[in-house]
């Protein structure tokens, strides 16, 4: 994991990488090769009272030759 402070306008620079986005600042704050690398920055306790829009979240930036990623959860 590498900590950064980059505008989300430049998110394409991290194609193929997992990024952590701070929604308050609209900035990429960390980048890693796997979700596990950045998981410490995007997980929180179930007792955390902060609203969902104020905590950092992760995102896998697609490469130019890839379409958007769609998470499919099969509960069957």
C-alpha atoms as a PDB file:
ATOM      1  CA  UNK A   1       0.000   0.000   0.000  1.00  0.00           C
ATOM      2  CA  UNK A   2       1.155   3.488  -0.816  1.00  0.00           C
ATOM      3  CA  UNK A   3      -0.387   6.583   0.743  1.00  0.00           C
ATOM      4  CA  UNK A   4      -1.064   9.404  -1.723  1.00  0.00           C
ATOM      5  CA  UNK A   5      -3.031  12.651  -1.858  1.00  0.00           C
ATOM      6  CA  UNK A   6      -4.363  12.948  -5.409  1.00  0.00           C
ATOM      7  CA  UNK A   7      -7.569  14.450  -6.788  1.00  0.00           C
ATOM      8  CA  UNK A   8     -10.155  11.926  -7.967  1.00  0.00           C
ATOM      9  CA  UNK A   9      -9.977  13.703 -11.335  1.00  0.00           C
ATOM     10  CA  UNK A  10      -6.694  11.840 -11.857  1.00  0.00           C
ATOM     11  CA  UNK A  11      -8.013   8.427 -10.846  1.00  0.00           C
ATOM     12  CA  UNK A  12      -7.109   7.026 -14.283  1.00  0.00           C
ATOM     13  CA  UNK A  13      -3.452   7.124 -13.220  1.00  0.00           C
ATOM     14  CA  UNK A  14      -4.217   4.146 -10.961  1.00  0.00           C
ATOM     15  CA  UNK A  15      -5.759   1.840 -13.588  1.00  0.00           C
ATOM     16  CA  UNK A  16      -5.772  -1.784 -12.436  1.00  0.00           C
ATOM     17  CA  UNK A  17      -5.161  -0.808  -8.790  1.00  0.00           C
ATOM     18  CA  UNK A  18      -7.338  -0.613  -5.698  1.00  0.00           C
ATOM     19  CA  UNK A  19      -7.729   2.912  -4.358  1.00  0.00           C
ATOM     20  CA  UNK A  20      -9.064   4.407  -1.135  1.00  0.00           C
ATOM     21  CA  UNK A  21     -11.199   7.509  -1.648  1.00  0.00           C
ATOM     22  CA  UNK A  22     -11.907  10.075   1.053  1.00  0.00           C
ATOM     23  CA  UNK A  23     -15.433  11.313   0.215  1.00  0.00           C
ATOM     24  CA  UNK A  24     -15.098  14.447   2.361  1.00  0.00           C
ATOM     25  CA  UNK A  25     -12.073  15.705   0.430  1.00  0.00           C
ATOM     26  CA  UNK A  26     -12.805  13.996  -2.920  1.00  0.00           C
ATOM     27  CA  UNK A  27      -9.227  12.694  -2.920  1.00  0.00           C
ATOM     28  CA  UNK A  28      -7.481   9.372  -3.495  1.00  0.00           C
ATOM     29  CA  UNK A  29      -5.642   8.784  -0.209  1.00  0.00           C
ATOM     30  CA  UNK A  30      -4.056   5.356  -0.789  1.00  0.00           C
ATOM     31  CA  UNK A  31      -3.423   2.843  -3.544  1.00  0.00           C
ATOM     32  CA  UNK A  32      -2.623  -0.883  -3.491  1.00  0.00           C
ATOM     33  CA  UNK A  33      -2.459  -3.946  -5.700  1.00  0.00           C
ATOM     34  CA  UNK A  34      -5.071  -5.866  -3.705  1.00  0.00           C
ATOM     35  CA  UNK A  35      -8.094  -5.051  -1.589  1.00  0.00           C
ATOM     36  CA  UNK A  36      -6.413  -6.764   1.352  1.00  0.00           C
ATOM     37  CA  UNK A  37      -3.539  -4.234   1.189  1.00  0.00           C
ATOM     38  CA  UNK A  38      -5.862  -1.266   1.702  1.00  0.00           C
ATOM     39  CA  UNK A  39      -8.467  -2.957   3.895  1.00  0.00           C
ATOM     40  CA  UNK A  40      -7.244  -1.308   7.107  1.00  0.00           C
ATOM     41  CA  UNK A  41      -8.198   2.092   5.717  1.00  0.00           C
ATOM     42  CA  UNK A  42     -11.733   1.160   4.636  1.00  0.00           C
ATOM     43  CA  UNK A  43     -12.968  -1.084   7.443  1.00  0.00           C
ATOM     44  CA  UNK A  44     -14.614   0.179  10.597  1.00  0.00           C
ATOM     45  CA  UNK A  45     -16.267  -1.084  13.734  1.00  0.00           C
ATOM     46  CA  UNK A  46     -19.961  -1.924  13.724  1.00  0.00           C
ATOM     47  CA  UNK A  47     -20.340   0.524  16.614  1.00  0.00           C
ATOM     48  CA  UNK A  48     -18.931   3.421  14.541  1.00  0.00           C
ATOM     49  CA  UNK A  49     -21.593   6.143  14.446  1.00  0.00           C
ATOM     50  CA  UNK A  50     -20.187   8.120  11.480  1.00  0.00           C
ATOM     51  CA  UNK A  51     -22.616   8.441   8.554  1.00  0.00           C
ATOM     52  CA  UNK A  52     -21.793   6.212   5.584  1.00  0.00           C
ATOM     53  CA  UNK A  53     -20.877   9.165   3.333  1.00  0.00           C
ATOM     54  CA  UNK A  54     -18.077  10.309   5.633  1.00  0.00           C
ATOM     55  CA  UNK A  55     -15.874   7.213   5.795  1.00  0.00           C
ATOM     56  CA  UNK A  56     -13.282   6.245   3.146  1.00  0.00           C
ATOM     57  CA  UNK A  57     -14.271   3.604   0.606  1.00  0.00           C
ATOM     58  CA  UNK A  58     -12.401   1.341  -1.810  1.00  0.00           C
ATOM     59  CA  UNK A  59     -12.668   1.125  -5.561  1.00  0.00           C
ATOM     60  CA  UNK A  60     -10.936  -0.992  -8.213  1.00  0.00           C
ATOM     61  CA  UNK A  61     -10.021   1.334 -11.070  1.00  0.00           C
ATOM     62  CA  UNK A  62     -10.649  -0.381 -14.442  1.00  0.00           C
ATOM     63  CA  UNK A  63      -7.966  -0.432 -17.117  1.00  0.00           C
ATOM     64  CA  UNK A  64      -8.673   1.339 -20.401  1.00  0.00           C
ATOM     65  CA  UNK A  65      -9.444  -1.947 -22.185  1.00  0.00           C
ATOM     66  CA  UNK A  66     -11.891  -3.066 -19.460  1.00  0.00           C
ATOM     67  CA  UNK A  67     -15.465  -2.044 -18.818  1.00  0.00           C
ATOM     68  CA  UNK A  68     -16.825  -1.078 -15.424  1.00  0.00           C
ATOM     69  CA  UNK A  69     -16.715  -3.707 -12.688  1.00  0.00           C
ATOM     70  CA  UNK A  70     -20.012  -5.072 -11.398  1.00  0.00           C
ATOM     71  CA  UNK A  71     -20.153  -6.809  -8.033  1.00  0.00           C
ATOM     72  CA  UNK A  72     -22.489  -9.775  -8.102  1.00  0.00           C
ATOM     73  CA  UNK A  73     -23.457 -11.453  -4.846  1.00  0.00           C
ATOM     74  CA  UNK A  74     -25.182 -14.787  -5.201  1.00  0.00           C
ATOM     75  CA  UNK A  75     -27.188 -15.652  -2.095  1.00  0.00           C
ATOM     76  CA  UNK A  76     -28.383 -19.039  -3.339  1.00  0.00           C
END
